[in-house]
Amino acid sequence: MSEDFYCDEALSGRTPIEVVAETDEILAFQHTRPYWPVHIVVVPKQHVPSLVDLGDADQEVLHKLLAVVRQVAGRVESEHGACRVLTNLGQYQDSKHLHFHIGAGSPLR
């Protein structure tokens, strides 16, 4: 897998995605290999390495990203009664591009 699946595949259009929500700066889409029955990923369209390393981005990208995370998580919680929101750092972060997972239901695997 690429170091940055989101820039190299999802945002570039190389891998087809199902868009859930989108702004000029942020994209939310159905995970391409879901872990839960509901599994949505939210990413900034600009490359941002991680939650603790914003790279060339400013703090405003976090505000915009979290606004979409809150919107999508609220919708998932409303529809399914609960949801989880998580991000990973360091060795746990497979794709080195800031992203949040929003999920609901029991693991599929």
PDB file of N, CA and C in Angstrom:
ATOM      1  N   MET A   1       0.838  -1.183   0.000  1.00  0.00           N
ATOM      2  CA  MET A   1       0.000   0.000   0.000  1.00  0.00           C
ATOM      3  C   MET A   1       0.879   1.241   0.000  1.00  0.00           C
ATOM      4  N   SER A   2       0.399   2.270  -0.624  1.00  0.00           N
ATOM      5  CA  SER A   2       1.079   3.553  -0.684  1.00  0.00           C
ATOM      6  C   SER A   2       1.182   4.168   0.705  1.00  0.00           C
ATOM      7  N   GLU A   3       2.158   5.028   0.901  1.00  0.00           N
ATOM      8  CA  GLU A   3       2.275   5.777   2.160  1.00  0.00           C
ATOM      9  C   GLU A   3       1.093   6.722   2.335  1.00  0.00           C
ATOM     10  N   ASP A   4       0.474   7.143   1.244  1.00  0.00           N
ATOM     11  CA  ASP A   4      -0.663   8.068   1.306  1.00  0.00           C
ATOM     12  C   ASP A   4      -1.752   7.612   0.345  1.00  0.00           C
ATOM     13  N   PHE A   5      -2.533   6.631   0.772  1.00  0.00           N
ATOM     14  CA  PHE A   5      -3.626   6.107  -0.047  1.00  0.00           C
ATOM     15  C   PHE A   5      -4.584   7.217  -0.457  1.00  0.00           C
ATOM     16  N   TYR A   6      -4.832   8.157   0.445  1.00  0.00           N
ATOM     17  CA  TYR A   6      -5.853   9.172   0.185  1.00  0.00           C
ATOM     18  C   TYR A   6      -5.456  10.093  -0.951  1.00  0.00           C
ATOM     19  N   CYS A   7      -4.224  10.603  -0.964  1.00  0.00           N
ATOM     20  CA  CYS A   7      -3.778  11.445  -2.083  1.00  0.00           C
ATOM     21  C   CYS A   7      -3.586  10.619  -3.355  1.00  0.00           C
ATOM     22  N   ASP A   8      -2.905   9.480  -3.213  1.00  0.00           N
ATOM     23  CA  ASP A   8      -2.530   8.687  -4.380  1.00  0.00           C
ATOM     24  C   ASP A   8      -3.707   7.979  -5.041  1.00  0.00           C
ATOM     25  N   GLU A   9      -4.700   7.589  -4.271  1.00  0.00           N
ATOM     26  CA  GLU A   9      -5.790   6.775  -4.812  1.00  0.00           C
ATOM     27  C   GLU A   9      -7.157   7.459  -4.736  1.00  0.00           C
ATOM     28  N   ALA A  10      -7.631   7.747  -3.536  1.00  0.00           N
ATOM     29  CA  ALA A  10      -9.003   8.254  -3.364  1.00  0.00           C
ATOM     30  C   ALA A  10      -9.178   9.662  -3.926  1.00  0.00           C
ATOM     31  N   LEU A  11      -8.297  10.572  -3.568  1.00  0.00           N
ATOM     32  CA  LEU A  11      -8.437  11.964  -4.024  1.00  0.00           C
ATOM     33  C   LEU A  11      -8.049  12.139  -5.483  1.00  0.00           C
ATOM     34  N   SER A  12      -7.180  11.285  -5.979  1.00  0.00           N
ATOM     35  CA  SER A  12      -6.740  11.383  -7.374  1.00  0.00           C
ATOM     36  C   SER A  12      -7.778  10.820  -8.343  1.00  0.00           C
ATOM     37  N   GLY A  13      -8.707   9.993  -7.835  1.00  0.00           N
ATOM     38  CA  GLY A  13      -9.695   9.356  -8.701  1.00  0.00           C
ATOM     39  C   GLY A  13      -9.272   7.983  -9.187  1.00  0.00           C
ATOM     40  N   ARG A  14      -8.054   7.558  -8.865  1.00  0.00           N
ATOM     41  CA  ARG A  14      -7.599   6.227  -9.299  1.00  0.00           C
ATOM     42  C   ARG A  14      -8.422   5.110  -8.707  1.00  0.00           C
ATOM     43  N   THR A  15      -8.827   5.277  -7.450  1.00  0.00           N
ATOM     44  CA  THR A  15      -9.703   4.306  -6.808  1.00  0.00           C
ATOM     45  C   THR A  15     -11.084   4.929  -6.693  1.00  0.00           C
ATOM     46  N   PRO A  16     -12.103   4.295  -7.242  1.00  0.00           N
ATOM     47  CA  PRO A  16     -13.460   4.845  -7.143  1.00  0.00           C
ATOM     48  C   PRO A  16     -13.928   4.888  -5.691  1.00  0.00           C
ATOM     49  N   ILE A  17     -14.615   5.957  -5.334  1.00  0.00           N
ATOM     50  CA  ILE A  17     -15.152   6.112  -3.983  1.00  0.00           C
ATOM     51  C   ILE A  17     -16.601   6.554  -4.046  1.00  0.00           C
ATOM     52  N   GLU A  18     -17.326   6.267  -2.973  1.00  0.00           N
ATOM     53  CA  GLU A  18     -18.709   6.716  -2.835  1.00  0.00           C
ATOM     54  C   GLU A  18     -18.725   7.877  -1.847  1.00  0.00           C
ATOM     55  N   VAL A  19     -18.942   9.081  -2.356  1.00  0.00           N
ATOM     56  CA  VAL A  19     -18.887  10.293  -1.548  1.00  0.00           C
ATOM     57  C   VAL A  19     -20.103  10.365  -0.626  1.00  0.00           C
ATOM     58  N   VAL A  20     -19.848  10.692   0.634  1.00  0.00           N
ATOM     59  CA  VAL A  20     -20.885  10.849   1.650  1.00  0.00           C
ATOM     60  C   VAL A  20     -21.143  12.331   1.917  1.00  0.00           C
ATOM     61  N   ALA A  21     -20.068  13.126   1.966  1.00  0.00           N
ATOM     62  CA  ALA A  21     -20.157  14.575   2.168  1.00  0.00           C
ATOM     63  C   ALA A  21     -18.901  15.192   1.582  1.00  0.00           C
ATOM     64  N   GLU A  22     -19.033  16.451   1.132  1.00  0.00           N
ATOM     65  CA  GLU A  22     -17.874  17.105   0.533  1.00  0.00           C
ATOM     66  C   GLU A  22     -18.002  18.609   0.654  1.00  0.00           C
ATOM     67  N   THR A  23     -16.867  19.245   0.950  1.00  0.00           N
ATOM     68  CA  THR A  23     -16.743  20.701   0.907  1.00  0.00           C
ATOM     69  C   THR A  23     -15.564  21.002  -0.016  1.00  0.00           C
ATOM     70  N   ASP A  24     -15.226  22.258  -0.161  1.00  0.00           N
ATOM     71  CA  ASP A  24     -14.068  22.604  -0.985  1.00  0.00           C
ATOM     72  C   ASP A  24     -12.781  22.001  -0.437  1.00  0.00           C
ATOM     73  N   GLU A  25     -12.701  21.847   0.896  1.00  0.00           N
ATOM     74  CA  GLU A  25     -11.463  21.390   1.532  1.00  0.00           C
ATOM     75  C   GLU A  25     -11.485  19.980   2.095  1.00  0.00           C
ATOM     76  N   ILE A  26     -12.684  19.399   2.281  1.00  0.00           N
ATOM     77  CA  ILE A  26     -12.817  18.130   2.999  1.00  0.00           C
ATOM     78  C   ILE A  26     -13.657  17.140   2.189  1.00  0.00           C
ATOM     79  N   LEU A  27     -13.305  15.855   2.292  1.00  0.00           N
ATOM     80  CA  LEU A  27     -14.046  14.794   1.613  1.00  0.00           C
ATOM     81  C   LEU A  27     -14.363  13.679   2.604  1.00  0.00           C
ATOM     82  N   ALA A  28     -15.610  13.240   2.624  1.00  0.00           N
ATOM     83  CA  ALA A  28     -16.041  12.084   3.415  1.00  0.00           C
ATOM     84  C   ALA A  28     -16.577  11.049   2.438  1.00  0.00           C
ATOM     85  N   PHE A  29     -16.141   9.800   2.605  1.00  0.00           N
ATOM     86  CA  PHE A  29     -16.567   8.758   1.669  1.00  0.00           C
ATOM     87  C   PHE A  29     -16.612   7.407   2.359  1.00  0.00           C
ATOM     88  N   GLN A  30     -17.349   6.483   1.742  1.00  0.00           N
ATOM     89  CA  GLN A  30     -17.430   5.116   2.246  1.00  0.00           C
ATOM     90  C   GLN A  30     -16.045   4.476   2.139  1.00  0.00           C
ATOM     91  N   HIS A  31     -15.602   3.841   3.224  1.00  0.00           N
ATOM     92  CA  HIS A  31     -14.305   3.168   3.215  1.00  0.00           C
ATOM     93  C   HIS A  31     -14.292   2.134   2.102  1.00  0.00           C
ATOM     94  N   THR A  32     -13.167   2.018   1.414  1.00  0.00           N
ATOM     95  CA  THR A  32     -13.083   1.076   0.295  1.00  0.00           C
ATOM     96  C   THR A  32     -12.936  -0.374   0.753  1.00  0.00           C
ATOM     97  N   ARG A  33     -12.514  -0.580   2.006  1.00  0.00           N
ATOM     98  CA  ARG A  33     -12.431  -1.920   2.604  1.00  0.00           C
ATOM     99  C   ARG A  33     -12.965  -1.811   4.026  1.00  0.00           C
ATOM    100  N   PRO A  34     -14.281  -1.726   4.182  1.00  0.00           N
ATOM    101  CA  PRO A  34     -14.860  -1.435   5.503  1.00  0.00           C
ATOM    102  C   PRO A  34     -14.557  -2.495   6.558  1.00  0.00           C
ATOM    103  N   TYR A  35     -14.355  -2.000   7.771  1.00  0.00           N
ATOM    104  CA  TYR A  35     -14.141  -2.861   8.933  1.00  0.00           C
ATOM    105  C   TYR A  35     -15.451  -3.069   9.685  1.00  0.00           C
ATOM    106  N   TRP A  36     -16.347  -2.097   9.601  1.00  0.00           N
ATOM    107  CA  TRP A  36     -17.675  -2.148  10.218  1.00  0.00           C
ATOM    108  C   TRP A  36     -18.724  -2.019   9.128  1.00  0.00           C
ATOM    109  N   PRO A  37     -19.967  -2.409   9.396  1.00  0.00           N
ATOM    110  CA  PRO A  37     -21.022  -2.275   8.389  1.00  0.00           C
ATOM    111  C   PRO A  37     -21.184  -0.829   7.900  1.00  0.00           C
ATOM    112  N   VAL A  38     -21.044   0.140   8.802  1.00  0.00           N
ATOM    113  CA  VAL A  38     -20.994   1.551   8.427  1.00  0.00           C
ATOM    114  C   VAL A  38     -19.563   1.989   8.688  1.00  0.00           C
ATOM    115  N   HIS A  39     -18.848   2.406   7.641  1.00  0.00           N
ATOM    116  CA  HIS A  39     -17.442   2.800   7.796  1.00  0.00           C
ATOM    117  C   HIS A  39     -17.144   3.913   6.806  1.00  0.00           C
ATOM    118  N   ILE A  40     -17.057   5.117   7.331  1.00  0.00           N
ATOM    119  CA  ILE A  40     -16.841   6.319   6.530  1.00  0.00           C
ATOM    120  C   ILE A  40     -15.499   6.915   6.917  1.00  0.00           C
ATOM    121  N   VAL A  41     -14.778   7.408   5.932  1.00  0.00           N
ATOM    122  CA  VAL A  41     -13.492   8.067   6.157  1.00  0.00           C
ATOM    123  C   VAL A  41     -13.652   9.539   5.798  1.00  0.00           C
ATOM    124  N   VAL A  42     -13.081  10.406   6.643  1.00  0.00           N
ATOM    125  CA  VAL A  42     -13.116  11.844   6.392  1.00  0.00           C
ATOM    126  C   VAL A  42     -11.680  12.335   6.314  1.00  0.00           C
ATOM    127  N   VAL A  43     -11.335  13.009   5.210  1.00  0.00           N
ATOM    128  CA  VAL A  43      -9.965  13.476   4.981  1.00  0.00           C
ATOM    129  C   VAL A  43      -9.963  14.909   4.485  1.00  0.00           C
ATOM    130  N   PRO A  44      -8.890  15.645   4.805  1.00  0.00           N
ATOM    131  CA  PRO A  44      -8.706  16.925   4.132  1.00  0.00           C
ATOM    132  C   PRO A  44      -8.228  16.652   2.699  1.00  0.00           C
ATOM    133  N   LYS A  45      -8.652  17.463   1.753  1.00  0.00           N
ATOM    134  CA  LYS A  45      -8.204  17.282   0.375  1.00  0.00           C
ATOM    135  C   LYS A  45      -6.733  17.679   0.209  1.00  0.00           C
ATOM    136  N   GLN A  46      -6.277  18.589   1.044  1.00  0.00           N
ATOM    137  CA  GLN A  46      -4.869  18.974   1.085  1.00  0.00           C
ATOM    138  C   GLN A  46      -4.107  17.904   1.853  1.00  0.00           C
ATOM    139  N   HIS A  47      -2.883  17.604   1.432  1.00  0.00           N
ATOM    140  CA  HIS A  47      -2.105  16.618   2.183  1.00  0.00           C
ATOM    141  C   HIS A  47      -1.750  17.183   3.557  1.00  0.00           C
ATOM    142  N   VAL A  48      -2.159  16.461   4.587  1.00  0.00           N
ATOM    143  CA  VAL A  48      -1.827  16.770   5.976  1.00  0.00           C
ATOM    144  C   VAL A  48      -1.314  15.460   6.562  1.00  0.00           C
ATOM    145  N   PRO A  49      -0.057  15.406   7.018  1.00  0.00           N
ATOM    146  CA  PRO A  49       0.515  14.133   7.457  1.00  0.00           C
ATOM    147  C   PRO A  49      -0.230  13.441   8.596  1.00  0.00           C
ATOM    148  N   SER A  50      -0.594  14.174   9.660  1.00  0.00           N
ATOM    149  CA  SER A  50      -1.273  13.515  10.781  1.00  0.00           C
ATOM    150  C   SER A  50      -1.869  14.569  11.705  1.00  0.00           C
ATOM    151  N   LEU A  51      -2.537  14.108  12.730  1.00  0.00           N
ATOM    152  CA  LEU A  51      -3.137  15.009  13.709  1.00  0.00           C
ATOM    153  C   LEU A  51      -2.086  15.828  14.451  1.00  0.00           C
ATOM    154  N   VAL A  52      -0.912  15.274  14.671  1.00  0.00           N
ATOM    155  CA  VAL A  52       0.133  16.002  15.393  1.00  0.00           C
ATOM    156  C   VAL A  52       1.150  16.681  14.476  1.00  0.00           C
ATOM    157  N   ASP A  53       1.142  16.338  13.203  1.00  0.00           N
ATOM    158  CA  ASP A  53       2.031  16.962  12.211  1.00  0.00           C
ATOM    159  C   ASP A  53       1.170  17.476  11.065  1.00  0.00           C
ATOM    160  N   LEU A  54       0.877  18.758  11.098  1.00  0.00           N
ATOM    161  CA  LEU A  54       0.011  19.346  10.067  1.00  0.00           C
ATOM    162  C   LEU A  54       0.755  19.662   8.776  1.00  0.00           C
ATOM    163  N   GLY A  55       2.059  19.459   8.742  1.00  0.00           N
ATOM    164  CA  GLY A  55       2.820  19.763   7.535  1.00  0.00           C
ATOM    165  C   GLY A  55       2.688  21.230   7.188  1.00  0.00           C
ATOM    166  N   ASP A  56       2.310  21.528   5.946  1.00  0.00           N
ATOM    167  CA  ASP A  56       2.157  22.910   5.481  1.00  0.00           C
ATOM    168  C   ASP A  56       0.777  23.494   5.773  1.00  0.00           C
ATOM    169  N   ALA A  57      -0.108  22.707   6.327  1.00  0.00           N
ATOM    170  CA  ALA A  57      -1.478  23.175   6.603  1.00  0.00           C
ATOM    171  C   ALA A  57      -1.499  24.035   7.871  1.00  0.00           C
ATOM    172  N   ASP A  58      -2.520  24.875   7.970  1.00  0.00           N
ATOM    173  CA  ASP A  58      -2.685  25.640   9.199  1.00  0.00           C
ATOM    174  C   ASP A  58      -3.798  25.007  10.041  1.00  0.00           C
ATOM    175  N   GLN A  59      -3.986  25.524  11.237  1.00  0.00           N
ATOM    176  CA  GLN A  59      -4.976  24.957  12.160  1.00  0.00           C
ATOM    177  C   GLN A  59      -6.398  25.024  11.608  1.00  0.00           C
ATOM    178  N   GLU A  60      -6.659  25.931  10.704  1.00  0.00           N
ATOM    179  CA  GLU A  60      -8.010  26.071  10.145  1.00  0.00           C
ATOM    180  C   GLU A  60      -8.485  24.779   9.482  1.00  0.00           C
ATOM    181  N   VAL A  61      -7.553  24.016   8.887  1.00  0.00           N
ATOM    182  CA  VAL A  61      -7.943  22.752   8.258  1.00  0.00           C
ATOM    183  C   VAL A  61      -8.535  21.804   9.300  1.00  0.00           C
ATOM    184  N   LEU A  62      -8.027  21.838  10.527  1.00  0.00           N
ATOM    185  CA  LEU A  62      -8.576  20.987  11.586  1.00  0.00           C
ATOM    186  C   LEU A  62     -10.012  21.375  11.919  1.00  0.00           C
ATOM    187  N   HIS A  63     -10.278  22.662  11.967  1.00  0.00           N
ATOM    188  CA  HIS A  63     -11.638  23.131  12.257  1.00  0.00           C
ATOM    189  C   HIS A  63     -12.608  22.672  11.165  1.00  0.00           C
ATOM    190  N   LYS A  64     -12.189  22.804   9.920  1.00  0.00           N
ATOM    191  CA  LYS A  64     -13.038  22.397   8.799  1.00  0.00           C
ATOM    192  C   LYS A  64     -13.221  20.881   8.767  1.00  0.00           C
ATOM    193  N   LEU A  65     -12.144  20.163   9.050  1.00  0.00           N
ATOM    194  CA  LEU A  65     -12.206  18.704   9.080  1.00  0.00           C
ATOM    195  C   LEU A  65     -13.144  18.228  10.184  1.00  0.00           C
ATOM    196  N   LEU A  66     -12.978  18.778  11.384  1.00  0.00           N
ATOM    197  CA  LEU A  66     -13.823  18.357  12.499  1.00  0.00           C
ATOM    198  C   LEU A  66     -15.276  18.752  12.302  1.00  0.00           C
ATOM    199  N   ALA A  67     -15.534  19.826  11.593  1.00  0.00           N
ATOM    200  CA  ALA A  67     -16.923  20.193  11.302  1.00  0.00           C
ATOM    201  C   ALA A  67     -17.595  19.112  10.465  1.00  0.00           C
ATOM    202  N   VAL A  68     -16.892  18.579   9.471  1.00  0.00           N
ATOM    203  CA  VAL A  68     -17.456  17.505   8.644  1.00  0.00           C
ATOM    204  C   VAL A  68     -17.535  16.209   9.442  1.00  0.00           C
ATOM    205  N   VAL A  69     -16.530  15.921  10.250  1.00  0.00           N
ATOM    206  CA  VAL A  69     -16.571  14.730  11.107  1.00  0.00           C
ATOM    207  C   VAL A  69     -17.800  14.793  12.011  1.00  0.00           C
ATOM    208  N   ARG A  70     -18.039  15.933  12.622  1.00  0.00           N
ATOM    209  CA  ARG A  70     -19.205  16.088  13.510  1.00  0.00           C
ATOM    210  C   ARG A  70     -20.511  15.893  12.745  1.00  0.00           C
ATOM    211  N   GLN A  71     -20.605  16.465  11.556  1.00  0.00           N
ATOM    212  CA  GLN A  71     -21.822  16.342  10.742  1.00  0.00           C
ATOM    213  C   GLN A  71     -22.089  14.876  10.392  1.00  0.00           C
ATOM    214  N   VAL A  72     -21.074  14.191   9.885  1.00  0.00           N
ATOM    215  CA  VAL A  72     -21.240  12.797   9.464  1.00  0.00           C
ATOM    216  C   VAL A  72     -21.489  11.902  10.682  1.00  0.00           C
ATOM    217  N   ALA A  73     -20.732  12.103  11.764  1.00  0.00           N
ATOM    218  CA  ALA A  73     -20.925  11.294  12.973  1.00  0.00           C
ATOM    219  C   ALA A  73     -22.318  11.501  13.548  1.00  0.00           C
ATOM    220  N   GLY A  74     -22.806  12.717  13.538  1.00  0.00           N
ATOM    221  CA  GLY A  74     -24.159  12.990  14.022  1.00  0.00           C
ATOM    222  C   GLY A  74     -25.204  12.250  13.212  1.00  0.00           C
ATOM    223  N   ARG A  75     -25.014  12.209  11.910  1.00  0.00           N
ATOM    224  CA  ARG A  75     -25.948  11.495  11.029  1.00  0.00           C
ATOM    225  C   ARG A  75     -25.890   9.991  11.286  1.00  0.00           C
ATOM    226  N   VAL A  76     -24.678   9.442  11.430  1.00  0.00           N
ATOM    227  CA  VAL A  76     -24.530   8.004  11.700  1.00  0.00           C
ATOM    228  C   VAL A  76     -25.144   7.655  13.050  1.00  0.00           C
ATOM    229  N   GLU A  77     -24.874   8.462  14.059  1.00  0.00           N
ATOM    230  CA  GLU A  77     -25.451   8.209  15.384  1.00  0.00           C
ATOM    231  C   GLU A  77     -26.977   8.258  15.332  1.00  0.00           C
ATOM    232  N   SER A  78     -27.507   9.222  14.622  1.00  0.00           N
ATOM    233  CA  SER A  78     -28.960   9.353  14.504  1.00  0.00           C
ATOM    234  C   SER A  78     -29.574   8.133  13.807  1.00  0.00           C
ATOM    235  N   GLU A  79     -28.918   7.643  12.772  1.00  0.00           N
ATOM    236  CA  GLU A  79     -29.445   6.522  11.991  1.00  0.00           C
ATOM    237  C   GLU A  79     -29.216   5.165  12.651  1.00  0.00           C
ATOM    238  N   HIS A  80     -28.134   5.026  13.443  1.00  0.00           N
ATOM    239  CA  HIS A  80     -27.752   3.720  13.968  1.00  0.00           C
ATOM    240  C   HIS A  80     -27.716   3.646  15.492  1.00  0.00           C
ATOM    241  N   GLY A  81     -27.964   4.773  16.160  1.00  0.00           N
ATOM    242  CA  GLY A  81     -28.014   4.784  17.617  1.00  0.00           C
ATOM    243  C   GLY A  81     -26.673   4.964  18.297  1.00  0.00           C
ATOM    244  N   ALA A  82     -25.590   4.801  17.563  1.00  0.00           N
ATOM    245  CA  ALA A  82     -24.246   4.949  18.126  1.00  0.00           C
ATOM    246  C   ALA A  82     -23.247   5.008  16.983  1.00  0.00           C
ATOM    247  N   CYS A  83     -22.069   5.506  17.279  1.00  0.00           N
ATOM    248  CA  CYS A  83     -20.965   5.437  16.314  1.00  0.00           C
ATOM    249  C   CYS A  83     -19.651   5.620  17.044  1.00  0.00           C
ATOM    250  N   ARG A  84     -18.599   5.291  16.368  1.00  0.00           N
ATOM    251  CA  ARG A  84     -17.254   5.522  16.886  1.00  0.00           C
ATOM    252  C   ARG A  84     -16.555   6.480  15.929  1.00  0.00           C
ATOM    253  N   VAL A  85     -15.664   7.304  16.483  1.00  0.00           N
ATOM    254  CA  VAL A  85     -14.851   8.216  15.685  1.00  0.00           C
ATOM    255  C   VAL A  85     -13.414   8.023  16.147  1.00  0.00           C
ATOM    256  N   LEU A  86     -12.519   7.727  15.197  1.00  0.00           N
ATOM    257  CA  LEU A  86     -11.138   7.522  15.609  1.00  0.00           C
ATOM    258  C   LEU A  86     -10.161   7.949  14.531  1.00  0.00           C
ATOM    259  N   THR A  87      -8.955   8.236  14.983  1.00  0.00           N
ATOM    260  CA  THR A  87      -7.831   8.471  14.089  1.00  0.00           C
ATOM    261  C   THR A  87      -6.635   7.739  14.681  1.00  0.00           C
ATOM    262  N   ASN A  88      -5.631   7.494  13.877  1.00  0.00           N
ATOM    263  CA  ASN A  88      -4.445   6.784  14.322  1.00  0.00           C
ATOM    264  C   ASN A  88      -3.215   7.646  14.113  1.00  0.00           C
ATOM    265  N   LEU A  89      -2.172   7.349  14.885  1.00  0.00           N
ATOM    266  CA  LEU A  89      -0.910   8.079  14.785  1.00  0.00           C
ATOM    267  C   LEU A  89       0.254   7.104  14.739  1.00  0.00           C
ATOM    268  N   GLY A  90       1.382   7.568  14.240  1.00  0.00           N
ATOM    269  CA  GLY A  90       2.612   6.769  14.236  1.00  0.00           C
ATOM    270  C   GLY A  90       2.455   5.458  13.500  1.00  0.00           C
ATOM    271  N   GLN A  91       2.931   4.382  14.107  1.00  0.00           N
ATOM    272  CA  GLN A  91       2.889   3.073  13.458  1.00  0.00           C
ATOM    273  C   GLN A  91       1.463   2.577  13.248  1.00  0.00           C
ATOM    274  N   TYR A  92       0.511   3.075  14.026  1.00  0.00           N
ATOM    275  CA  TYR A  92      -0.889   2.663  13.845  1.00  0.00           C
ATOM    276  C   TYR A  92      -1.519   3.318  12.620  1.00  0.00           C
ATOM    277  N   GLN A  93      -0.907   4.377  12.097  1.00  0.00           N
ATOM    278  CA  GLN A  93      -1.476   5.123  10.973  1.00  0.00           C
ATOM    279  C   GLN A  93      -0.961   4.528   9.665  1.00  0.00           C
ATOM    280  N   ASP A  94      -1.764   3.664   9.045  1.00  0.00           N
ATOM    281  CA  ASP A  94      -1.343   3.000   7.810  1.00  0.00           C
ATOM    282  C   ASP A  94      -1.087   3.990   6.685  1.00  0.00           C
ATOM    283  N   SER A  95      -2.022   4.902   6.458  1.00  0.00           N
ATOM    284  CA  SER A  95      -1.857   5.915   5.422  1.00  0.00           C
ATOM    285  C   SER A  95      -1.426   7.211   6.087  1.00  0.00           C
ATOM    286  N   LYS A  96      -0.312   7.748   5.653  1.00  0.00           N
ATOM    287  CA  LYS A  96       0.264   8.936   6.289  1.00  0.00           C
ATOM    288  C   LYS A  96      -0.407  10.207   5.761  1.00  0.00           C
ATOM    289  N   HIS A  97      -1.707  10.268   5.954  1.00  0.00           N
ATOM    290  CA  HIS A  97      -2.543  11.411   5.576  1.00  0.00           C
ATOM    291  C   HIS A  97      -3.612  11.482   6.664  1.00  0.00           C
ATOM    292  N   LEU A  98      -3.752  12.632   7.299  1.00  0.00           N
ATOM    293  CA  LEU A  98      -4.723  12.777   8.380  1.00  0.00           C
ATOM    294  C   LEU A  98      -6.094  12.306   7.916  1.00  0.00           C
ATOM    295  N   HIS A  99      -6.697  11.431   8.692  1.00  0.00           N
ATOM    296  CA  HIS A  99      -8.030  10.929   8.367  1.00  0.00           C
ATOM    297  C   HIS A  99      -8.721  10.456   9.635  1.00  0.00           C
ATOM    298  N   PHE A 100     -10.028  10.553   9.617  1.00  0.00           N
ATOM    299  CA  PHE A 100     -10.853  10.049  10.712  1.00  0.00           C
ATOM    300  C   PHE A 100     -11.751   8.959  10.175  1.00  0.00           C
ATOM    301  N   HIS A 101     -11.906   7.896  10.964  1.00  0.00           N
ATOM    302  CA  HIS A 101     -12.848   6.829  10.651  1.00  0.00           C
ATOM    303  C   HIS A 101     -14.107   7.064  11.481  1.00  0.00           C
ATOM    304  N   ILE A 102     -15.251   6.923  10.857  1.00  0.00           N
ATOM    305  CA  ILE A 102     -16.538   6.973  11.548  1.00  0.00           C
ATOM    306  C   ILE A 102     -17.205   5.642  11.260  1.00  0.00           C
ATOM    307  N   GLY A 103     -17.491   4.895  12.322  1.00  0.00           N
ATOM    308  CA  GLY A 103     -18.019   3.557  12.123  1.00  0.00           C
ATOM    309  C   GLY A 103     -19.159   3.223  13.055  1.00  0.00           C
ATOM    310  N   ALA A 104     -19.942   2.264  12.611  1.00  0.00           N
ATOM    311  CA  ALA A 104     -21.048   1.753  13.441  1.00  0.00           C
ATOM    312  C   ALA A 104     -21.212   0.265  13.144  1.00  0.00           C
ATOM    313  N   GLY A 105     -21.589  -0.465  14.196  1.00  0.00           N
ATOM    314  CA  GLY A 105     -21.827  -1.898  14.057  1.00  0.00           C
ATOM    315  C   GLY A 105     -20.632  -2.721  14.509  1.00  0.00           C
ATOM    316  N   SER A 106     -20.826  -4.025  14.519  1.00  0.00           N
ATOM    317  CA  SER A 106     -19.781  -4.965  14.916  1.00  0.00           C
ATOM    318  C   SER A 106     -18.807  -5.171  13.763  1.00  0.00           C
ATOM    319  N   PRO A 107     -17.529  -5.432  14.071  1.00  0.00           N
ATOM    320  CA  PRO A 107     -16.555  -5.659  13.010  1.00  0.00           C
ATOM    321  C   PRO A 107     -17.009  -6.729  12.030  1.00  0.00           C
ATOM    322  N   LEU A 108     -16.694  -6.522  10.772  1.00  0.00           N
ATOM    323  CA  LEU A 108     -17.041  -7.473   9.719  1.00  0.00           C
ATOM    324  C   LEU A 108     -16.036  -8.618   9.646  1.00  0.00           C
ATOM    325  N   ARG A 109     -14.856  -8.421  10.210  1.00  0.00           N
ATOM    326  CA  ARG A 109     -13.822  -9.455  10.134  1.00  0.00           C
ATOM    327  C   ARG A 109     -13.323  -9.817  11.496  1.00  0.00           C
TER     328      ARG A 109
END
